[in-house]
Amino acid sequence: ITILWVAYSQGYTLGFSQIMTIAMLSTLGAIGASPIPNSGIAIILLICENIGVQTSGFFPLMMAGDLLLDRMLTAVNECGDMWCALATTDMLRRKLGPDFDKEMGLEPAPNDTRA
């Protein structure tokens, strides 16, 4: 959406092949760069350069909007990763039962000796 906004606000008319290029590169970028904070702005600049849209005047606006949006998206991604790890651990605990720590190579935590 940011790329389309930048292009249309500067008077560019995008053809079907350019829109499909945006869709394809956005999808690939979302798959490969989602866990990296602030990678969205790099993907946006890469796609704009690829389709021939200048971003020099709009870069500060893109950075301001991307700052908040990227933080939220990264938090959602990390929460999803955490829940998947917890679900996998729970499933393995149920499957392995009391042998879970031994099978995973975990040692029991020593007693806390702090006063």
C-alpha atoms as a PDB file:
ATOM      1  CA  ILE A   1       0.000   0.000   0.000  1.00  0.00           C
ATOM      2  CA  THR A   2       2.875   2.369   0.786  1.00  0.00           C
ATOM      3  CA  ILE A   3       4.410   1.774  -2.615  1.00  0.00           C
ATOM      4  CA  LEU A   4       1.123   2.436  -4.395  1.00  0.00           C
ATOM      5  CA  TRP A   5       0.633   5.622  -2.344  1.00  0.00           C
ATOM      6  CA  VAL A   6       4.121   6.899  -3.192  1.00  0.00           C
ATOM      7  CA  ALA A   7       3.688   6.088  -6.879  1.00  0.00           C
ATOM      8  CA  TYR A   8       0.223   7.598  -7.313  1.00  0.00           C
ATOM      9  CA  SER A   9       1.000  10.691  -5.217  1.00  0.00           C
ATOM     10  CA  GLN A  10       3.885  11.474  -7.583  1.00  0.00           C
ATOM     11  CA  GLY A  11       1.724  10.979 -10.670  1.00  0.00           C
ATOM     12  CA  TYR A  12       3.075   7.589 -11.759  1.00  0.00           C
ATOM     13  CA  THR A  13       0.673   5.295 -13.559  1.00  0.00           C
ATOM     14  CA  LEU A  14       1.437   1.694 -12.745  1.00  0.00           C
ATOM     15  CA  GLY A  15       0.769  -1.010 -15.269  1.00  0.00           C
ATOM     16  CA  PHE A  16      -0.334  -4.566 -14.592  1.00  0.00           C
ATOM     17  CA  SER A  17       3.214  -5.936 -14.688  1.00  0.00           C
ATOM     18  CA  GLN A  18       4.416  -3.330 -12.169  1.00  0.00           C
ATOM     19  CA  ILE A  19       1.551  -4.109  -9.793  1.00  0.00           C
ATOM     20  CA  MET A  20       2.278  -7.843 -10.087  1.00  0.00           C
ATOM     21  CA  THR A  21       5.972  -7.114  -9.414  1.00  0.00           C
ATOM     22  CA  ILE A  22       4.950  -5.208  -6.276  1.00  0.00           C
ATOM     23  CA  ALA A  23       2.755  -8.122  -5.141  1.00  0.00           C
ATOM     24  CA  MET A  24       5.431 -10.753  -5.803  1.00  0.00           C
ATOM     25  CA  LEU A  25       8.303  -8.852  -4.182  1.00  0.00           C
ATOM     26  CA  SER A  26       6.138  -7.838  -1.211  1.00  0.00           C
ATOM     27  CA  THR A  27       5.190 -11.458  -0.608  1.00  0.00           C
ATOM     28  CA  LEU A  28       8.780 -12.663  -0.851  1.00  0.00           C
ATOM     29  CA  GLY A  29       9.954  -9.824   1.374  1.00  0.00           C
ATOM     30  CA  ALA A  30       7.290 -10.591   3.966  1.00  0.00           C
ATOM     31  CA  ILE A  31       8.369 -14.212   4.103  1.00  0.00           C
ATOM     32  CA  GLY A  32      12.086 -13.571   4.365  1.00  0.00           C
ATOM     33  CA  ALA A  33      12.332 -10.387   6.380  1.00  0.00           C
ATOM     34  CA  SER A  34       9.499 -10.561   8.904  1.00  0.00           C
ATOM     35  CA  PRO A  35      11.595 -11.223  12.033  1.00  0.00           C
ATOM     36  CA  ILE A  36      14.032  -8.384  11.301  1.00  0.00           C
ATOM     37  CA  PRO A  37      13.021  -5.020  12.790  1.00  0.00           C
ATOM     38  CA  ASN A  38      12.888  -2.126  10.287  1.00  0.00           C
ATOM     39  CA  SER A  39      13.332  -4.461   7.332  1.00  0.00           C
ATOM     40  CA  GLY A  40      10.051  -3.244   5.872  1.00  0.00           C
ATOM     41  CA  ILE A  41      11.510   0.101   4.857  1.00  0.00           C
ATOM     42  CA  ALA A  42      14.359  -1.635   3.024  1.00  0.00           C
ATOM     43  CA  ILE A  43      11.864  -3.832   1.170  1.00  0.00           C
ATOM     44  CA  ILE A  44       9.779  -0.770   0.254  1.00  0.00           C
ATOM     45  CA  LEU A  45      12.820   1.069  -1.109  1.00  0.00           C
ATOM     46  CA  LEU A  46      13.937  -2.024  -3.041  1.00  0.00           C
ATOM     47  CA  ILE A  47      10.533  -2.457  -4.668  1.00  0.00           C
ATOM     48  CA  CYS A  48      10.200   1.254  -5.495  1.00  0.00           C
ATOM     49  CA  GLU A  49      13.605   1.191  -7.152  1.00  0.00           C
ATOM     50  CA  ASN A  50      12.691  -1.970  -9.056  1.00  0.00           C
ATOM     51  CA  ILE A  51       9.534  -0.463 -10.573  1.00  0.00           C
ATOM     52  CA  GLY A  52      11.136   2.932 -11.222  1.00  0.00           C
ATOM     53  CA  VAL A  53       9.416   5.073  -8.562  1.00  0.00           C
ATOM     54  CA  GLN A  54      11.482   7.813  -6.896  1.00  0.00           C
ATOM     55  CA  THR A  55      11.204   7.919  -3.096  1.00  0.00           C
ATOM     56  CA  SER A  56      13.506  10.806  -2.192  1.00  0.00           C
ATOM     57  CA  GLY A  57      10.806  13.235  -1.008  1.00  0.00           C
ATOM     58  CA  PHE A  58       8.675  10.598   0.653  1.00  0.00           C
ATOM     59  CA  PHE A  59      11.379   8.798   2.600  1.00  0.00           C
ATOM     60  CA  PRO A  60      10.861  10.766   5.873  1.00  0.00           C
ATOM     61  CA  LEU A  61       7.107  10.132   5.704  1.00  0.00           C
ATOM     62  CA  MET A  62       7.668   6.444   5.087  1.00  0.00           C
ATOM     63  CA  MET A  63      10.091   6.225   8.025  1.00  0.00           C
ATOM     64  CA  ALA A  64       7.640   7.934  10.384  1.00  0.00           C
ATOM     65  CA  GLY A  65       4.783   5.608   9.471  1.00  0.00           C
ATOM     66  CA  ASP A  66       6.931   2.517   9.339  1.00  0.00           C
ATOM     67  CA  LEU A  67       8.420   3.139  12.778  1.00  0.00           C
ATOM     68  CA  LEU A  68       5.185   2.434  14.671  1.00  0.00           C
ATOM     69  CA  LEU A  69       3.799  -0.126  12.261  1.00  0.00           C
ATOM     70  CA  ASP A  70       7.001  -2.164  12.203  1.00  0.00           C
ATOM     71  CA  ARG A  71       7.197  -2.273  15.993  1.00  0.00           C
ATOM     72  CA  MET A  72       3.677  -3.691  16.184  1.00  0.00           C
ATOM     73  CA  LEU A  73       4.298  -6.237  13.429  1.00  0.00           C
ATOM     74  CA  THR A  74       7.551  -7.397  15.022  1.00  0.00           C
ATOM     75  CA  ALA A  75       5.810  -7.789  18.398  1.00  0.00           C
ATOM     76  CA  VAL A  76       3.028  -9.862  16.816  1.00  0.00           C
ATOM     77  CA  ASN A  77       5.593 -12.037  15.024  1.00  0.00           C
ATOM     78  CA  GLU A  78       7.595 -12.636  18.194  1.00  0.00           C
ATOM     79  CA  CYS A  79       4.441 -13.468  20.186  1.00  0.00           C
ATOM     80  CA  GLY A  80       3.452 -15.971  17.509  1.00  0.00           C
ATOM     81  CA  ASP A  81       6.888 -17.579  17.642  1.00  0.00           C
ATOM     82  CA  MET A  82       6.668 -17.782  21.430  1.00  0.00           C
ATOM     83  CA  TRP A  83       3.234 -19.441  21.385  1.00  0.00           C
ATOM     84  CA  CYS A  84       4.375 -21.988  18.779  1.00  0.00           C
ATOM     85  CA  ALA A  85       7.409 -22.847  20.915  1.00  0.00           C
ATOM     86  CA  LEU A  86       5.217 -23.214  24.016  1.00  0.00           C
ATOM     87  CA  ALA A  87       2.719 -25.409  22.171  1.00  0.00           C
ATOM     88  CA  THR A  88       5.518 -27.618  20.830  1.00  0.00           C
ATOM     89  CA  THR A  89       7.073 -27.938  24.290  1.00  0.00           C
ATOM     90  CA  ASP A  90       3.716 -28.808  25.822  1.00  0.00           C
ATOM     91  CA  MET A  91       3.047 -31.415  23.133  1.00  0.00           C
ATOM     92  CA  LEU A  92       6.462 -33.002  23.698  1.00  0.00           C
ATOM     93  CA  ARG A  93       5.988 -32.970  27.494  1.00  0.00           C
ATOM     94  CA  ARG A  94       2.711 -34.825  27.104  1.00  0.00           C
ATOM     95  CA  LYS A  95       4.205 -37.313  24.652  1.00  0.00           C
ATOM     96  CA  LEU A  96       7.426 -38.010  26.564  1.00  0.00           C
ATOM     97  CA  GLY A  97       5.955 -37.692  30.057  1.00  0.00           C
ATOM     98  CA  PRO A  98       8.397 -37.721  32.940  1.00  0.00           C
ATOM     99  CA  ASP A  99      11.332 -38.458  30.612  1.00  0.00           C
ATOM    100  CA  PHE A 100      11.007 -35.061  28.881  1.00  0.00           C
ATOM    101  CA  ASP A 101      13.956 -33.384  30.612  1.00  0.00           C
ATOM    102  CA  LYS A 102      16.179 -36.411  30.064  1.00  0.00           C
ATOM    103  CA  GLU A 103      15.206 -36.771  26.384  1.00  0.00           C
ATOM    104  CA  MET A 104      15.789 -33.073  25.751  1.00  0.00           C
ATOM    105  CA  GLY A 105      19.185 -33.172  27.448  1.00  0.00           C
ATOM    106  CA  LEU A 106      18.120 -30.797  30.194  1.00  0.00           C
ATOM    107  CA  GLU A 107      19.573 -30.997  33.646  1.00  0.00           C
ATOM    108  CA  PRO A 108      17.462 -30.264  36.685  1.00  0.00           C
ATOM    109  CA  ALA A 109      18.082 -26.803  38.111  1.00  0.00           C
ATOM    110  CA  PRO A 110      20.152 -26.875  41.313  1.00  0.00           C
ATOM    111  CA  ASN A 111      18.533 -25.596  44.482  1.00  0.00           C
ATOM    112  CA  ASP A 112      18.822 -21.873  44.960  1.00  0.00           C
ATOM    113  CA  THR A 113      21.421 -21.288  47.691  1.00  0.00           C
ATOM    114  CA  ARG A 114      21.098 -17.535  47.883  1.00  0.00           C
ATOM    115  CA  ALA A 115      20.291 -16.126  51.314  1.00  0.00           C
END
